[in-house]
Amino acid sequence: MKKLALPLALVFATGALAAAQAPAPKPADTTATEARKPAKTHKFDTEIVSADVEKKMVTYKTPAGDKSAPVGPLAMYRLKKVKAGDKVTLTCKDGATPEECAEVSFIKVAEPPAAASPAAPKS
């Protein structure tokens, strides 16, 4: 029994010594954590001027004039369904300035006003 205890203790001591001498992990790179932050976005209501599915671009009206922006993968499904003249709400990733649209990340088509519901029958 004593013959087994000494080599076993030696193995555990060697393992503990190796763990104590292991190099400390390097601090995380700050640029990598900044890259994982979600992009800032803004929403605005507008009217579609044109939607180009092949080029993945949408042109929309702004008070300053018509602007174009690339369309992201989540918005591509809706881009296929919108047409010129549709009223939409665009969610854009901020570009160099918050007003600039670097990429359209979501398109929400405005619902037409509901038709007047028929009056409920009187009892």
Protein backbone atom coordinates (compact mmCIF):
# COMPACT_ATOMS: atom_id res chain seq x y z
CA MET A 1 0.00 0.00 0.00
CA LYS A 2 2.86 2.38 0.83
CA LYS A 3 4.46 1.57 -2.53
CA LEU A 4 1.35 2.85 -4.31
CA ALA A 5 0.86 5.96 -2.16
CA LEU A 6 4.25 7.55 -2.92
CA PRO A 7 3.96 7.50 -6.76
CA LEU A 8 0.34 8.63 -6.55
CA ALA A 9 1.26 11.60 -4.36
CA LEU A 10 4.10 12.42 -6.76
CA VAL A 11 1.66 12.53 -9.72
CA PHE A 12 -0.72 14.90 -7.89
CA ALA A 13 2.15 17.16 -6.79
CA THR A 14 3.49 17.36 -10.34
CA GLY A 15 0.04 18.28 -11.67
CA ALA A 16 -0.42 21.01 -9.07
CA LEU A 17 3.04 22.41 -9.84
CA ALA A 18 2.33 22.47 -13.60
CA ALA A 19 -0.99 24.27 -13.03
CA ALA A 20 0.69 26.87 -10.82
CA GLN A 21 3.30 27.63 -13.48
CA ALA A 22 0.82 27.90 -16.38
CA PRO A 23 0.92 31.35 -18.02
CA ALA A 24 -1.91 33.67 -17.06
CA PRO A 25 -4.47 34.25 -19.82
CA LYS A 26 -3.98 37.49 -21.74
CA PRO A 27 -6.60 40.22 -21.25
CA ALA A 28 -9.22 40.34 -23.99
CA ASP A 29 -8.51 42.67 -26.89
CA THR A 30 -10.72 45.75 -26.60
CA THR A 31 -11.29 45.99 -30.35
CA ALA A 32 -12.76 42.49 -30.38
CA THR A 33 -15.31 43.39 -27.73
CA GLU A 34 -16.24 46.58 -29.56
CA ALA A 35 -16.84 44.59 -32.74
CA ARG A 36 -19.41 42.42 -30.94
CA LYS A 37 -21.51 45.37 -29.79
CA PRO A 38 -24.77 45.66 -31.71
CA ALA A 39 -24.91 48.48 -34.21
CA LYS A 40 -26.99 51.51 -33.32
CA THR A 41 -30.15 51.77 -35.35
CA HIS A 42 -32.93 54.22 -36.01
CA LYS A 43 -36.42 53.88 -37.46
CA PHE A 44 -38.29 56.24 -39.73
CA ASP A 45 -41.43 56.25 -41.85
CA THR A 46 -40.95 56.81 -45.55
CA GLU A 47 -42.21 55.98 -49.02
CA ILE A 48 -40.44 53.55 -51.34
CA VAL A 49 -39.23 55.02 -54.63
CA SER A 50 -37.75 51.77 -55.97
CA ALA A 51 -36.74 48.34 -54.71
CA ASP A 52 -34.00 46.41 -56.54
CA VAL A 53 -33.82 42.80 -55.33
CA GLU A 54 -30.91 41.82 -57.59
CA LYS A 55 -28.67 44.68 -56.40
CA LYS A 56 -30.06 44.43 -52.83
CA MET A 57 -30.78 48.18 -52.77
CA VAL A 58 -33.79 50.27 -51.81
CA THR A 59 -34.43 53.90 -52.72
CA TYR A 60 -36.69 55.89 -50.41
CA LYS A 61 -37.94 59.45 -49.99
CA THR A 62 -36.48 61.85 -47.42
CA PRO A 63 -37.13 65.56 -46.85
CA ALA A 64 -33.72 66.24 -48.46
CA GLY A 65 -34.54 64.11 -51.51
CA ASP A 66 -34.37 60.48 -52.56
CA LYS A 67 -31.71 58.28 -50.93
CA SER A 68 -30.55 54.74 -51.55
CA ALA A 69 -29.25 52.18 -49.06
CA PRO A 70 -28.12 48.55 -49.19
CA VAL A 71 -30.52 45.99 -47.75
CA GLY A 72 -29.37 43.45 -45.15
CA PRO A 73 -30.24 39.75 -45.15
CA LEU A 74 -33.15 40.07 -42.69
CA ALA A 75 -34.83 42.74 -44.79
CA MET A 76 -34.45 40.90 -48.12
CA TYR A 77 -37.66 38.92 -47.60
CA ARG A 78 -39.72 42.11 -47.29
CA LEU A 79 -37.81 43.84 -50.09
CA LYS A 80 -39.21 41.23 -52.48
CA LYS A 81 -42.75 42.25 -51.48
CA VAL A 82 -42.56 46.05 -51.53
CA LYS A 83 -43.07 48.18 -54.59
CA ALA A 84 -42.76 51.84 -55.51
CA GLY A 85 -45.22 54.00 -53.60
CA ASP A 86 -45.55 51.70 -50.56
CA LYS A 87 -45.48 53.41 -47.17
CA VAL A 88 -42.99 51.60 -44.91
CA THR A 89 -41.04 51.92 -41.69
CA LEU A 90 -37.33 51.29 -42.27
CA THR A 91 -34.95 50.23 -39.52
CA CYS A 92 -31.45 51.37 -40.49
CA LYS A 93 -28.03 50.80 -39.01
CA ASP A 94 -26.42 54.16 -38.34
CA GLY A 95 -23.67 55.23 -40.71
CA ALA A 96 -21.14 58.00 -40.17
CA THR A 97 -23.94 60.10 -38.72
CA PRO A 98 -27.13 58.84 -37.05
CA GLU A 99 -29.22 60.24 -39.91
CA GLU A 100 -27.23 58.30 -42.49
CA CYS A 101 -28.42 54.79 -43.29
CA ALA A 102 -25.50 52.37 -43.68
CA GLU A 103 -27.80 49.36 -44.18
CA VAL A 104 -31.53 48.69 -44.02
CA SER A 105 -31.87 45.94 -41.44
CA PHE A 106 -35.68 45.62 -41.39
CA ILE A 107 -38.64 46.76 -43.48
CA LYS A 108 -42.13 47.00 -41.98
CA VAL A 109 -44.90 47.65 -44.46
CA ALA A 110 -47.49 50.10 -43.14
CA GLU A 111 -50.94 48.58 -42.94
CA PRO A 112 -53.64 50.42 -44.87
CA PRO A 113 -56.27 51.97 -42.60
CA ALA A 114 -58.87 49.40 -41.64
CA ALA A 115 -62.20 49.77 -43.37
CA ALA A 116 -64.99 50.96 -41.16
CA SER A 117 -66.38 47.93 -39.39
CA PRO A 118 -70.06 47.30 -39.95
CA ALA A 119 -72.29 48.37 -37.09
CA ALA A 120 -73.16 45.59 -34.71
CA PRO A 121 -76.73 44.38 -35.06
CA LYS A 122 -79.08 45.73 -32.41
CA SER A 123 -80.67 43.21 -30.10
